[in-house]
Amino acid sequence: PYDEATDLVAVNVETYTAKRSYHIAREYRQRGVPVVLGGYHPTLVP
C-alpha cells in the first residue's frame, strides 16, 4: 500500500531482489517518504 501514511520505509535487500527493491524504494520516495535499504546486497555493493 504505497499510499498508506508512514514516516520511514525499510527494505531488506538480497541480490536476487535488488531490482524489485529499487522499484519499491522509488515508489515511496516519489511520495516523499524516506527509504533505508539494508541486508546482504547493500552491504556488498553500498
PDB file of all heavy atoms in Angstrom:
ATOM      1  N   PRO A   1       0.835  -1.217   0.000  1.00  0.00           N
ATOM      2  CA  PRO A   1       0.000   0.000   0.000  1.00  0.00           C
ATOM      3  C   PRO A   1       0.868   1.264   0.000  1.00  0.00           C
ATOM      4  O   PRO A   1       1.077   1.899   1.039  1.00  0.00           O
ATOM      5  CB  PRO A   1      -0.810  -0.142   1.283  1.00  0.00           C
ATOM      6  CG  PRO A   1       0.090  -0.904   2.209  1.00  0.00           C
ATOM      7  CD  PRO A   1       0.893  -1.834   1.349  1.00  0.00           C
ATOM      8  N   TYR A   2       1.358   1.633  -1.164  1.00  0.00           N
ATOM      9  CA  TYR A   2       2.300   2.740  -1.255  1.00  0.00           C
ATOM     10  C   TYR A   2       1.730   4.055  -0.709  1.00  0.00           C
ATOM     11  O   TYR A   2       2.481   4.907  -0.217  1.00  0.00           O
ATOM     12  CB  TYR A   2       2.726   2.949  -2.708  1.00  0.00           C
ATOM     13  CG  TYR A   2       3.552   1.828  -3.284  1.00  0.00           C
ATOM     14  CD1 TYR A   2       3.043   0.995  -4.280  1.00  0.00           C
ATOM     15  CD2 TYR A   2       4.851   1.588  -2.838  1.00  0.00           C
ATOM     16  CE1 TYR A   2       3.802  -0.036  -4.820  1.00  0.00           C
ATOM     17  CE2 TYR A   2       5.621   0.556  -3.362  1.00  0.00           C
ATOM     18  CZ  TYR A   2       5.083  -0.251  -4.360  1.00  0.00           C
ATOM     19  OH  TYR A   2       5.826  -1.270  -4.884  1.00  0.00           O
ATOM     20  N   ASP A   3       0.413   4.211  -0.791  1.00  0.00           N
ATOM     21  CA  ASP A   3      -0.188   5.481  -0.375  1.00  0.00           C
ATOM     22  C   ASP A   3      -0.564   5.521   1.101  1.00  0.00           C
ATOM     23  O   ASP A   3      -1.054   6.543   1.586  1.00  0.00           O
ATOM     24  CB  ASP A   3      -1.429   5.770  -1.234  1.00  0.00           C
ATOM     25  CG  ASP A   3      -1.072   6.034  -2.689  1.00  0.00           C
ATOM     26  OD1 ASP A   3      -0.077   6.751  -2.926  1.00  0.00           O
ATOM     27  OD2 ASP A   3      -1.773   5.517  -3.582  1.00  0.00           O
ATOM     28  N   GLU A   4      -0.346   4.442   1.814  1.00  0.00           N
ATOM     29  CA  GLU A   4      -0.603   4.443   3.254  1.00  0.00           C
ATOM     30  C   GLU A   4       0.420   5.330   3.956  1.00  0.00           C
ATOM     31  O   GLU A   4       1.622   5.255   3.686  1.00  0.00           O
ATOM     32  CB  GLU A   4      -0.521   3.012   3.777  1.00  0.00           C
ATOM     33  CG  GLU A   4      -0.800   2.882   5.258  1.00  0.00           C
ATOM     34  CD  GLU A   4      -0.691   1.432   5.715  1.00  0.00           C
ATOM     35  OE1 GLU A   4       0.454   0.977   5.942  1.00  0.00           O
ATOM     36  OE2 GLU A   4      -1.728   0.754   5.818  1.00  0.00           O
ATOM     37  N   ALA A   5      -0.053   6.140   4.886  1.00  0.00           N
ATOM     38  CA  ALA A   5       0.828   7.083   5.577  1.00  0.00           C
ATOM     39  C   ALA A   5       1.889   6.346   6.390  1.00  0.00           C
ATOM     40  O   ALA A   5       1.599   5.396   7.115  1.00  0.00           O
ATOM     41  CB  ALA A   5       0.003   7.984   6.492  1.00  0.00           C
ATOM     42  N   THR A   6       3.141   6.769   6.252  1.00  0.00           N
ATOM     43  CA  THR A   6       4.251   6.213   7.026  1.00  0.00           C
ATOM     44  C   THR A   6       5.381   7.235   7.050  1.00  0.00           C
ATOM     45  O   THR A   6       5.453   8.118   6.186  1.00  0.00           O
ATOM     46  CB  THR A   6       4.724   4.871   6.430  1.00  0.00           C
ATOM     47  OG1 THR A   6       5.677   4.278   7.327  1.00  0.00           O
ATOM     48  CG2 THR A   6       5.368   5.063   5.068  1.00  0.00           C
ATOM     49  N   ASP A   7       6.252   7.128   8.041  1.00  0.00           N
ATOM     50  CA  ASP A   7       7.336   8.095   8.193  1.00  0.00           C
ATOM     51  C   ASP A   7       8.682   7.577   7.699  1.00  0.00           C
ATOM     52  O   ASP A   7       9.595   8.354   7.444  1.00  0.00           O
ATOM     53  CB  ASP A   7       7.457   8.491   9.674  1.00  0.00           C
ATOM     54  CG  ASP A   7       6.192   9.145  10.189  1.00  0.00           C
ATOM     55  OD1 ASP A   7       5.869  10.249   9.716  1.00  0.00           O
ATOM     56  OD2 ASP A   7       5.521   8.535  11.037  1.00  0.00           O
ATOM     57  N   LEU A   8       8.807   6.267   7.596  1.00  0.00           N
ATOM     58  CA  LEU A   8      10.057   5.671   7.137  1.00  0.00           C
ATOM     59  C   LEU A   8       9.763   4.281   6.599  1.00  0.00           C
ATOM     60  O   LEU A   8       8.933   3.556   7.137  1.00  0.00           O
ATOM     61  CB  LEU A   8      11.069   5.561   8.287  1.00  0.00           C
ATOM     62  CG  LEU A   8      12.442   4.938   7.944  1.00  0.00           C
ATOM     63  CD1 LEU A   8      13.245   5.867   7.038  1.00  0.00           C
ATOM     64  CD2 LEU A   8      13.228   4.609   9.208  1.00  0.00           C
ATOM     65  N   VAL A   9      10.455   3.911   5.518  1.00  0.00           N
ATOM     66  CA  VAL A   9      10.325   2.575   4.946  1.00  0.00           C
ATOM     67  C   VAL A   9      11.694   1.902   4.985  1.00  0.00           C
ATOM     68  O   VAL A   9      12.704   2.512   4.617  1.00  0.00           O
ATOM     69  CB  VAL A   9       9.800   2.633   3.495  1.00  0.00           C
ATOM     70  CG1 VAL A   9       9.911   1.264   2.820  1.00  0.00           C
ATOM     71  CG2 VAL A   9       8.361   3.123   3.476  1.00  0.00           C
ATOM     72  N   ALA A  10      11.725   0.651   5.436  1.00  0.00           N
ATOM     73  CA  ALA A  10      12.962  -0.130   5.463  1.00  0.00           C
ATOM     74  C   ALA A  10      12.756  -1.388   4.627  1.00  0.00           C
ATOM     75  O   ALA A  10      11.780  -2.123   4.823  1.00  0.00           O
ATOM     76  CB  ALA A  10      13.341  -0.501   6.894  1.00  0.00           C
ATOM     77  N   VAL A  11      13.674  -1.632   3.691  1.00  0.00           N
ATOM     78  CA  VAL A  11      13.564  -2.764   2.775  1.00  0.00           C
ATOM     79  C   VAL A  11      14.767  -3.681   2.966  1.00  0.00           C
ATOM     80  O   VAL A  11      15.916  -3.215   2.949  1.00  0.00           O
ATOM     81  CB  VAL A  11      13.487  -2.298   1.302  1.00  0.00           C
ATOM     82  CG1 VAL A  11      13.249  -3.490   0.371  1.00  0.00           C
ATOM     83  CG2 VAL A  11      12.400  -1.247   1.118  1.00  0.00           C
ATOM     84  N   ASN A  12      14.499  -4.980   3.138  1.00  0.00           N
ATOM     85  CA  ASN A  12      15.555  -5.976   3.261  1.00  0.00           C
ATOM     86  C   ASN A  12      15.928  -6.449   1.860  1.00  0.00           C
ATOM     87  O   ASN A  12      15.118  -7.073   1.167  1.00  0.00           O
ATOM     88  CB  ASN A  12      15.068  -7.152   4.111  1.00  0.00           C
ATOM     89  CG  ASN A  12      16.124  -8.214   4.278  1.00  0.00           C
ATOM     90  OD1 ASN A  12      17.294  -7.912   4.483  1.00  0.00           O
ATOM     91  ND2 ASN A  12      15.725  -9.471   4.179  1.00  0.00           N
ATOM     92  N   VAL A  13      17.175  -6.197   1.416  1.00  0.00           N
ATOM     93  CA  VAL A  13      17.553  -6.400   0.024  1.00  0.00           C
ATOM     94  C   VAL A  13      18.568  -7.536  -0.108  1.00  0.00           C
ATOM     95  O   VAL A  13      19.627  -7.508   0.521  1.00  0.00           O
ATOM     96  CB  VAL A  13      18.156  -5.114  -0.586  1.00  0.00           C
ATOM     97  CG1 VAL A  13      18.320  -5.274  -2.094  1.00  0.00           C
ATOM     98  CG2 VAL A  13      17.304  -3.900  -0.266  1.00  0.00           C
ATOM     99  N   GLU A  14      18.239  -8.519  -0.938  1.00  0.00           N
ATOM    100  CA  GLU A  14      19.187  -9.534  -1.364  1.00  0.00           C
ATOM    101  C   GLU A  14      19.484  -9.304  -2.842  1.00  0.00           C
ATOM    102  O   GLU A  14      18.772  -8.561  -3.524  1.00  0.00           O
ATOM    103  CB  GLU A  14      18.604 -10.926  -1.124  1.00  0.00           C
ATOM    104  CG  GLU A  14      18.299 -11.201   0.348  1.00  0.00           C
ATOM    105  CD  GLU A  14      17.564 -12.503   0.563  1.00  0.00           C
ATOM    106  OE1 GLU A  14      17.202 -13.141  -0.451  1.00  0.00           O
ATOM    107  OE2 GLU A  14      17.329 -12.874   1.725  1.00  0.00           O
ATOM    108  N   THR A  15      20.524  -9.951  -3.353  1.00  0.00           N
ATOM    109  CA  THR A  15      20.921  -9.689  -4.737  1.00  0.00           C
ATOM    110  C   THR A  15      19.796 -10.009  -5.715  1.00  0.00           C
ATOM    111  O   THR A  15      19.520  -9.235  -6.638  1.00  0.00           O
ATOM    112  CB  THR A  15      22.183 -10.484  -5.089  1.00  0.00           C
ATOM    113  OG1 THR A  15      23.255 -10.058  -4.218  1.00  0.00           O
ATOM    114  CG2 THR A  15      22.603 -10.252  -6.533  1.00  0.00           C
ATOM    115  N   TYR A  16      19.113 -11.128  -5.518  1.00  0.00           N
ATOM    116  CA  TYR A  16      18.033 -11.502  -6.427  1.00  0.00           C
ATOM    117  C   TYR A  16      16.811 -10.593  -6.290  1.00  0.00           C
ATOM    118  O   TYR A  16      15.962 -10.552  -7.190  1.00  0.00           O
ATOM    119  CB  TYR A  16      17.618 -12.952  -6.210  1.00  0.00           C
ATOM    120  CG  TYR A  16      18.468 -13.950  -6.965  1.00  0.00           C
ATOM    121  CD1 TYR A  16      19.200 -14.928  -6.298  1.00  0.00           C
ATOM    122  CD2 TYR A  16      18.538 -13.917  -8.356  1.00  0.00           C
ATOM    123  CE1 TYR A  16      19.975 -15.846  -6.991  1.00  0.00           C
ATOM    124  CE2 TYR A  16      19.322 -14.827  -9.058  1.00  0.00           C
ATOM    125  CZ  TYR A  16      20.028 -15.792  -8.375  1.00  0.00           C
ATOM    126  OH  TYR A  16      20.805 -16.693  -9.070  1.00  0.00           O
ATOM    127  N   THR A  17      16.675  -9.880  -5.176  1.00  0.00           N
ATOM    128  CA  THR A  17      15.536  -8.974  -5.007  1.00  0.00           C
ATOM    129  C   THR A  17      15.916  -7.519  -5.213  1.00  0.00           C
ATOM    130  O   THR A  17      15.089  -6.636  -5.006  1.00  0.00           O
ATOM    131  CB  THR A  17      14.906  -9.129  -3.605  1.00  0.00           C
ATOM    132  OG1 THR A  17      15.841  -8.709  -2.603  1.00  0.00           O
ATOM    133  CG2 THR A  17      14.491 -10.564  -3.345  1.00  0.00           C
ATOM    134  N   ALA A  18      17.156  -7.246  -5.626  1.00  0.00           N
ATOM    135  CA  ALA A  18      17.622  -5.861  -5.737  1.00  0.00           C
ATOM    136  C   ALA A  18      16.776  -5.046  -6.718  1.00  0.00           C
ATOM    137  O   ALA A  18      16.366  -3.918  -6.419  1.00  0.00           O
ATOM    138  CB  ALA A  18      19.089  -5.830  -6.154  1.00  0.00           C
ATOM    139  N   LYS A  19      16.489  -5.615  -7.886  1.00  0.00           N
ATOM    140  CA  LYS A  19      15.721  -4.862  -8.887  1.00  0.00           C
ATOM    141  C   LYS A  19      14.348  -4.480  -8.336  1.00  0.00           C
ATOM    142  O   LYS A  19      13.901  -3.343  -8.470  1.00  0.00           O
ATOM    143  CB  LYS A  19      15.576  -5.677 -10.168  1.00  0.00           C
ATOM    144  CG  LYS A  19      14.829  -4.929 -11.271  1.00  0.00           C
ATOM    145  CD  LYS A  19      14.572  -5.800 -12.486  1.00  0.00           C
ATOM    146  CE  LYS A  19      15.833  -6.039 -13.274  1.00  0.00           C
ATOM    147  NZ  LYS A  19      15.542  -6.718 -14.578  1.00  0.00           N
ATOM    148  N   ARG A  20      13.670  -5.431  -7.725  1.00  0.00           N
ATOM    149  CA  ARG A  20      12.356  -5.152  -7.149  1.00  0.00           C
ATOM    150  C   ARG A  20      12.468  -4.175  -5.979  1.00  0.00           C
ATOM    151  O   ARG A  20      11.624  -3.281  -5.817  1.00  0.00           O
ATOM    152  CB  ARG A  20      11.719  -6.466  -6.686  1.00  0.00           C
ATOM    153  CG  ARG A  20      10.354  -6.303  -6.026  1.00  0.00           C
ATOM    154  CD  ARG A  20       9.329  -5.701  -6.940  1.00  0.00           C
ATOM    155  NE  ARG A  20       8.026  -5.586  -6.275  1.00  0.00           N
ATOM    156  CZ  ARG A  20       7.044  -4.809  -6.683  1.00  0.00           C
ATOM    157  NH1 ARG A  20       7.178  -4.063  -7.769  1.00  0.00           N
ATOM    158  NH2 ARG A  20       5.895  -4.780  -6.029  1.00  0.00           N
ATOM    159  N   SER A  21      13.495  -4.313  -5.162  1.00  0.00           N
ATOM    160  CA  SER A  21      13.693  -3.416  -4.022  1.00  0.00           C
ATOM    161  C   SER A  21      13.856  -1.976  -4.483  1.00  0.00           C
ATOM    162  O   SER A  21      13.301  -1.043  -3.874  1.00  0.00           O
ATOM    163  CB  SER A  21      14.918  -3.841  -3.218  1.00  0.00           C
ATOM    164  OG  SER A  21      14.760  -5.144  -2.694  1.00  0.00           O
ATOM    165  N   TYR A  22      14.612  -1.770  -5.542  1.00  0.00           N
ATOM    166  CA  TYR A  22      14.832  -0.411  -6.036  1.00  0.00           C
ATOM    167  C   TYR A  22      13.543   0.183  -6.592  1.00  0.00           C
ATOM    168  O   TYR A  22      13.291   1.392  -6.470  1.00  0.00           O
ATOM    169  CB  TYR A  22      15.918  -0.412  -7.109  1.00  0.00           C
ATOM    170  CG  TYR A  22      17.281  -0.862  -6.595  1.00  0.00           C
ATOM    171  CD1 TYR A  22      18.268  -1.316  -7.479  1.00  0.00           C
ATOM    172  CD2 TYR A  22      17.599  -0.835  -5.242  1.00  0.00           C
ATOM    173  CE1 TYR A  22      19.518  -1.724  -7.024  1.00  0.00           C
ATOM    174  CE2 TYR A  22      18.831  -1.246  -4.773  1.00  0.00           C
ATOM    175  CZ  TYR A  22      19.782  -1.694  -5.674  1.00  0.00           C
ATOM    176  OH  TYR A  22      21.021  -2.098  -5.219  1.00  0.00           O
ATOM    177  N   HIS A  23      12.706  -0.652  -7.199  1.00  0.00           N
ATOM    178  CA  HIS A  23      11.405  -0.178  -7.678  1.00  0.00           C
ATOM    179  C   HIS A  23      10.532   0.251  -6.497  1.00  0.00           C
ATOM    180  O   HIS A  23       9.886   1.319  -6.536  1.00  0.00           O
ATOM    181  CB  HIS A  23      10.701  -1.275  -8.473  1.00  0.00           C
ATOM    182  CG  HIS A  23       9.274  -0.953  -8.809  1.00  0.00           C
ATOM    183  ND1 HIS A  23       8.924  -0.183  -9.901  1.00  0.00           N
ATOM    184  CD2 HIS A  23       8.105  -1.276  -8.187  1.00  0.00           C
ATOM    185  CE1 HIS A  23       7.615  -0.049  -9.951  1.00  0.00           C
ATOM    186  NE2 HIS A  23       7.094  -0.701  -8.929  1.00  0.00           N
ATOM    187  N   ILE A  24      10.499  -0.576  -5.456  1.00  0.00           N
ATOM    188  CA  ILE A  24       9.709  -0.244  -4.266  1.00  0.00           C
ATOM    189  C   ILE A  24      10.210   1.054  -3.642  1.00  0.00           C
ATOM    190  O   ILE A  24       9.420   1.942  -3.266  1.00  0.00           O
ATOM    191  CB  ILE A  24       9.777  -1.398  -3.251  1.00  0.00           C
ATOM    192  CG1 ILE A  24       9.058  -2.630  -3.816  1.00  0.00           C
ATOM    193  CG2 ILE A  24       9.176  -0.985  -1.906  1.00  0.00           C
ATOM    194  CD1 ILE A  24       9.293  -3.904  -3.012  1.00  0.00           C
ATOM    195  N   ALA A  25      11.527   1.187  -3.525  1.00  0.00           N
ATOM    196  CA  ALA A  25      12.103   2.412  -2.954  1.00  0.00           C
ATOM    197  C   ALA A  25      11.707   3.631  -3.777  1.00  0.00           C
ATOM    198  O   ALA A  25      11.367   4.697  -3.222  1.00  0.00           O
ATOM    199  CB  ALA A  25      13.623   2.286  -2.890  1.00  0.00           C
ATOM    200  N   ARG A  26      11.740   3.496  -5.092  1.00  0.00           N
ATOM    201  CA  ARG A  26      11.388   4.628  -5.965  1.00  0.00           C
ATOM    202  C   ARG A  26       9.928   5.051  -5.756  1.00  0.00           C
ATOM    203  O   ARG A  26       9.620   6.252  -5.706  1.00  0.00           O
ATOM    204  CB  ARG A  26      11.631   4.246  -7.419  1.00  0.00           C
ATOM    205  CG  ARG A  26      11.339   5.380  -8.400  1.00  0.00           C
ATOM    206  CD  ARG A  26      11.846   5.064  -9.792  1.00  0.00           C
ATOM    207  NE  ARG A  26      11.177   3.890 -10.354  1.00  0.00           N
ATOM    208  CZ  ARG A  26      11.756   2.717 -10.534  1.00  0.00           C
ATOM    209  NH1 ARG A  26      13.027   2.526 -10.187  1.00  0.00           N
ATOM    210  NH2 ARG A  26      11.089   1.701 -11.066  1.00  0.00           N
ATOM    211  N   GLU A  27       9.037   4.077  -5.617  1.00  0.00           N
ATOM    212  CA  GLU A  27       7.619   4.403  -5.415  1.00  0.00           C
ATOM    213  C   GLU A  27       7.415   5.209  -4.140  1.00  0.00           C
ATOM    214  O   GLU A  27       6.657   6.181  -4.119  1.00  0.00           O
ATOM    215  CB  GLU A  27       6.795   3.104  -5.356  1.00  0.00           C
ATOM    216  CG  GLU A  27       6.660   2.381  -6.679  1.00  0.00           C
ATOM    217  CD  GLU A  27       5.776   3.139  -7.660  1.00  0.00           C
ATOM    218  OE1 GLU A  27       4.875   3.880  -7.216  1.00  0.00           O
ATOM    219  OE2 GLU A  27       5.986   2.993  -8.881  1.00  0.00           O
ATOM    220  N   TYR A  28       8.068   4.814  -3.068  1.00  0.00           N
ATOM    221  CA  TYR A  28       7.914   5.549  -1.801  1.00  0.00           C
ATOM    222  C   TYR A  28       8.589   6.916  -1.861  1.00  0.00           C
ATOM    223  O   TYR A  28       8.035   7.918  -1.382  1.00  0.00           O
ATOM    224  CB  TYR A  28       8.485   4.723  -0.653  1.00  0.00           C
ATOM    225  CG  TYR A  28       7.511   3.711  -0.100  1.00  0.00           C
ATOM    226  CD1 TYR A  28       7.709   2.347  -0.306  1.00  0.00           C
ATOM    227  CD2 TYR A  28       6.398   4.105   0.629  1.00  0.00           C
ATOM    228  CE1 TYR A  28       6.817   1.402   0.208  1.00  0.00           C
ATOM    229  CE2 TYR A  28       5.504   3.175   1.150  1.00  0.00           C
ATOM    230  CZ  TYR A  28       5.709   1.824   0.928  1.00  0.00           C
ATOM    231  OH  TYR A  28       4.827   0.908   1.426  1.00  0.00           O
ATOM    232  N   ARG A  29       9.772   6.977  -2.432  1.00  0.00           N
ATOM    233  CA  ARG A  29      10.496   8.245  -2.473  1.00  0.00           C
ATOM    234  C   ARG A  29       9.769   9.262  -3.342  1.00  0.00           C
ATOM    235  O   ARG A  29       9.807  10.476  -3.057  1.00  0.00           O
ATOM    236  CB  ARG A  29      11.918   8.020  -2.975  1.00  0.00           C
ATOM    237  CG  ARG A  29      12.744   7.133  -2.043  1.00  0.00           C
ATOM    238  CD  ARG A  29      14.122   6.891  -2.590  1.00  0.00           C
ATOM    239  NE  ARG A  29      15.018   7.997  -2.316  1.00  0.00           N
ATOM    240  CZ  ARG A  29      16.179   8.194  -2.932  1.00  0.00           C
ATOM    241  NH1 ARG A  29      16.556   7.360  -3.898  1.00  0.00           N
ATOM    242  NH2 ARG A  29      16.941   9.214  -2.611  1.00  0.00           N
ATOM    243  N   GLN A  30       9.094   8.803  -4.389  1.00  0.00           N
ATOM    244  CA  GLN A  30       8.288   9.711  -5.203  1.00  0.00           C
ATOM    245  C   GLN A  30       7.129  10.310  -4.412  1.00  0.00           C
ATOM    246  O   GLN A  30       6.626  11.382  -4.762  1.00  0.00           O
ATOM    247  CB  GLN A  30       7.750   8.981  -6.437  1.00  0.00           C
ATOM    248  CG  GLN A  30       8.796   8.682  -7.488  1.00  0.00           C
ATOM    249  CD  GLN A  30       8.262   7.840  -8.638  1.00  0.00           C
ATOM    250  OE1 GLN A  30       7.160   7.286  -8.574  1.00  0.00           O
ATOM    251  NE2 GLN A  30       9.032   7.733  -9.707  1.00  0.00           N
ATOM    252  N   ARG A  31       6.732   9.640  -3.353  1.00  0.00           N
ATOM    253  CA  ARG A  31       5.668  10.122  -2.482  1.00  0.00           C
ATOM    254  C   ARG A  31       6.215  10.896  -1.297  1.00  0.00           C
ATOM    255  O   ARG A  31       5.469  11.254  -0.376  1.00  0.00           O
ATOM    256  CB  ARG A  31       4.811   8.942  -2.010  1.00  0.00           C
ATOM    257  CG  ARG A  31       3.988   8.294  -3.120  1.00  0.00           C
ATOM    258  CD  ARG A  31       3.466   6.917  -2.700  1.00  0.00           C
ATOM    259  NE  ARG A  31       2.497   6.366  -3.631  1.00  0.00           N
ATOM    260  CZ  ARG A  31       2.797   5.795  -4.792  1.00  0.00           C
ATOM    261  NH1 ARG A  31       4.067   5.696  -5.171  1.00  0.00           N
ATOM    262  NH2 ARG A  31       1.855   5.320  -5.564  1.00  0.00           N
ATOM    263  N   GLY A  32       7.529  11.129  -1.284  1.00  0.00           N
ATOM    264  CA  GLY A  32       8.143  11.923  -0.231  1.00  0.00           C
ATOM    265  C   GLY A  32       8.469  11.166   1.034  1.00  0.00           C
ATOM    266  O   GLY A  32       8.774  11.776   2.072  1.00  0.00           O
ATOM    267  N   VAL A  33       8.438   9.834   0.974  1.00  0.00           N
ATOM    268  CA  VAL A  33       8.743   9.009   2.150  1.00  0.00           C
ATOM    269  C   VAL A  33      10.190   8.558   2.082  1.00  0.00           C
ATOM    270  O   VAL A  33      10.614   7.963   1.085  1.00  0.00           O
ATOM    271  CB  VAL A  33       7.811   7.777   2.215  1.00  0.00           C
ATOM    272  CG1 VAL A  33       8.147   6.926   3.442  1.00  0.00           C
ATOM    273  CG2 VAL A  33       6.352   8.205   2.244  1.00  0.00           C
ATOM    274  N   PRO A  34      10.985   8.804   3.119  1.00  0.00           N
ATOM    275  CA  PRO A  34      12.392   8.362   3.105  1.00  0.00           C
ATOM    276  C   PRO A  34      12.494   6.841   3.189  1.00  0.00           C
ATOM    277  O   PRO A  34      11.686   6.190   3.844  1.00  0.00           O
ATOM    278  CB  PRO A  34      12.997   9.025   4.345  1.00  0.00           C
ATOM    279  CG  PRO A  34      11.833   9.284   5.245  1.00  0.00           C
ATOM    280  CD  PRO A  34      10.668   9.556   4.354  1.00  0.00           C
ATOM    281  N   VAL A  35      13.517   6.297   2.528  1.00  0.00           N
ATOM    282  CA  VAL A  35      13.707   4.853   2.449  1.00  0.00           C
ATOM    283  C   VAL A  35      15.121   4.495   2.879  1.00  0.00           C
ATOM    284  O   VAL A  35      16.095   5.135   2.452  1.00  0.00           O
ATOM    285  CB  VAL A  35      13.468   4.339   1.013  1.00  0.00           C
ATOM    286  CG1 VAL A  35      13.809   2.854   0.902  1.00  0.00           C
ATOM    287  CG2 VAL A  35      12.029   4.593   0.586  1.00  0.00           C
ATOM    288  N   VAL A  36      15.231   3.456   3.721  1.00  0.00           N
ATOM    289  CA  VAL A  36      16.531   2.909   4.082  1.00  0.00           C
ATOM    290  C   VAL A  36      16.595   1.475   3.562  1.00  0.00           C
ATOM    291  O   VAL A  36      15.652   0.707   3.711  1.00  0.00           O
ATOM    292  CB  VAL A  36      16.772   2.958   5.610  1.00  0.00           C
ATOM    293  CG1 VAL A  36      15.669   2.250   6.374  1.00  0.00           C
ATOM    294  CG2 VAL A  36      18.124   2.359   5.971  1.00  0.00           C
ATOM    295  N   LEU A  37      17.702   1.135   2.909  1.00  0.00           N
ATOM    296  CA  LEU A  37      17.921  -0.208   2.387  1.00  0.00           C
ATOM    297  C   LEU A  37      18.999  -0.901   3.202  1.00  0.00           C
ATOM    298  O   LEU A  37      20.041  -0.306   3.491  1.00  0.00           O
ATOM    299  CB  LEU A  37      18.354  -0.157   0.915  1.00  0.00           C
ATOM    300  CG  LEU A  37      17.399   0.519  -0.074  1.00  0.00           C
ATOM    301  CD1 LEU A  37      18.008   0.497  -1.488  1.00  0.00           C
ATOM    302  CD2 LEU A  37      16.042  -0.172  -0.079  1.00  0.00           C
ATOM    303  N   GLY A  38      18.760  -2.154   3.574  1.00  0.00           N
ATOM    304  CA  GLY A  38      19.742  -2.922   4.321  1.00  0.00           C
ATOM    305  C   GLY A  38      19.724  -4.371   3.895  1.00  0.00           C
ATOM    306  O   GLY A  38      18.906  -4.785   3.076  1.00  0.00           O
ATOM    307  N   GLY A  39      20.644  -5.154   4.440  1.00  0.00           N
ATOM    308  CA  GLY A  39      20.724  -6.562   4.090  1.00  0.00           C
ATOM    309  C   GLY A  39      22.013  -6.887   3.365  1.00  0.00           C
ATOM    310  O   GLY A  39      22.951  -6.088   3.304  1.00  0.00           O
ATOM    311  N   TYR A  40      22.060  -8.096   2.794  1.00  0.00           N
ATOM    312  CA  TYR A  40      23.276  -8.570   2.139  1.00  0.00           C
ATOM    313  C   TYR A  40      23.701  -7.666   0.990  1.00  0.00           C
ATOM    314  O   TYR A  40      24.869  -7.273   0.881  1.00  0.00           O
ATOM    315  CB  TYR A  40      23.064  -9.995   1.610  1.00  0.00           C
ATOM    316  CG  TYR A  40      23.139 -11.064   2.660  1.00  0.00           C
ATOM    317  CD1 TYR A  40      21.995 -11.517   3.310  1.00  0.00           C
ATOM    318  CD2 TYR A  40      24.356 -11.621   3.020  1.00  0.00           C
ATOM    319  CE1 TYR A  40      22.067 -12.501   4.284  1.00  0.00           C
ATOM    320  CE2 TYR A  40      24.446 -12.606   3.985  1.00  0.00           C
ATOM    321  CZ  TYR A  40      23.288 -13.041   4.615  1.00  0.00           C
ATOM    322  OH  TYR A  40      23.369 -14.012   5.587  1.00  0.00           O
ATOM    323  N   HIS A  41      22.776  -7.350   0.108  1.00  0.00           N
ATOM    324  CA  HIS A  41      23.163  -6.652  -1.125  1.00  0.00           C
ATOM    325  C   HIS A  41      23.685  -5.237  -0.863  1.00  0.00           C
ATOM    326  O   HIS A  41      24.760  -4.883  -1.379  1.00  0.00           O
ATOM    327  CB  HIS A  41      21.982  -6.631  -2.094  1.00  0.00           C
ATOM    328  CG  HIS A  41      22.366  -6.257  -3.491  1.00  0.00           C
ATOM    329  ND1 HIS A  41      23.055  -7.107  -4.334  1.00  0.00           N
ATOM    330  CD2 HIS A  41      22.182  -5.106  -4.194  1.00  0.00           C
ATOM    331  CE1 HIS A  41      23.265  -6.506  -5.495  1.00  0.00           C
ATOM    332  NE2 HIS A  41      22.750  -5.292  -5.432  1.00  0.00           N
ATOM    333  N   PRO A  42      22.995  -4.400  -0.090  1.00  0.00           N
ATOM    334  CA  PRO A  42      23.553  -3.069   0.188  1.00  0.00           C
ATOM    335  C   PRO A  42      24.895  -3.118   0.904  1.00  0.00           C
ATOM    336  O   PRO A  42      25.722  -2.219   0.740  1.00  0.00           O
ATOM    337  CB  PRO A  42      22.475  -2.412   1.063  1.00  0.00           C
ATOM    338  CG  PRO A  42      21.219  -3.118   0.693  1.00  0.00           C
ATOM    339  CD  PRO A  42      21.631  -4.532   0.447  1.00  0.00           C
ATOM    340  N   THR A  43      25.116  -4.166   1.701  1.00  0.00           N
ATOM    341  CA  THR A  43      26.404  -4.291   2.386  1.00  0.00           C
ATOM    342  C   THR A  43      27.513  -4.603   1.393  1.00  0.00           C
ATOM    343  O   THR A  43      28.640  -4.087   1.513  1.00  0.00           O
ATOM    344  CB  THR A  43      26.324  -5.390   3.465  1.00  0.00           C
ATOM    345  OG1 THR A  43      25.368  -4.995   4.459  1.00  0.00           O
ATOM    346  CG2 THR A  43      27.674  -5.614   4.121  1.00  0.00           C
ATOM    347  N   LEU A  44      27.218  -5.434   0.397  1.00  0.00           N
ATOM    348  CA  LEU A  44      28.241  -5.860  -0.556  1.00  0.00           C
ATOM    349  C   LEU A  44      28.428  -4.875  -1.702  1.00  0.00           C
ATOM    350  O   LEU A  44      29.508  -4.820  -2.293  1.00  0.00           O
ATOM    351  CB  LEU A  44      27.883  -7.255  -1.092  1.00  0.00           C
ATOM    352  CG  LEU A  44      27.804  -8.357  -0.018  1.00  0.00           C
ATOM    353  CD1 LEU A  44      27.361  -9.671  -0.628  1.00  0.00           C
ATOM    354  CD2 LEU A  44      29.151  -8.529   0.678  1.00  0.00           C
ATOM    355  N   VAL A  45      27.397  -4.117  -2.048  1.00  0.00           N
ATOM    356  CA  VAL A  45      27.521  -3.090  -3.106  1.00  0.00           C
ATOM    357  C   VAL A  45      26.873  -1.787  -2.613  1.00  0.00           C
ATOM    358  O   VAL A  45      25.849  -1.349  -3.131  1.00  0.00           O
ATOM    359  CB  VAL A  45      26.892  -3.551  -4.437  1.00  0.00           C
ATOM    360  CG1 VAL A  45      27.781  -4.526  -5.161  1.00  0.00           C
ATOM    361  CG2 VAL A  45      25.513  -4.161  -4.230  1.00  0.00           C
ATOM    362  N   PRO A  46      27.463  -1.146  -1.613  1.00  0.00           N
ATOM    363  CA  PRO A  46      26.840   0.033  -0.996  1.00  0.00           C
ATOM    364  C   PRO A  46      26.669   1.211  -1.944  1.00  0.00           C
ATOM    365  O   PRO A  46      25.690   1.953  -1.834  1.00  0.00           O
ATOM    366  CB  PRO A  46      27.790   0.365   0.161  1.00  0.00           C
ATOM    367  CG  PRO A  46      29.098  -0.279  -0.199  1.00  0.00           C
ATOM    368  CD  PRO A  46      28.741  -1.504  -0.957  1.00  0.00           C
TER     369      PRO A  46
END
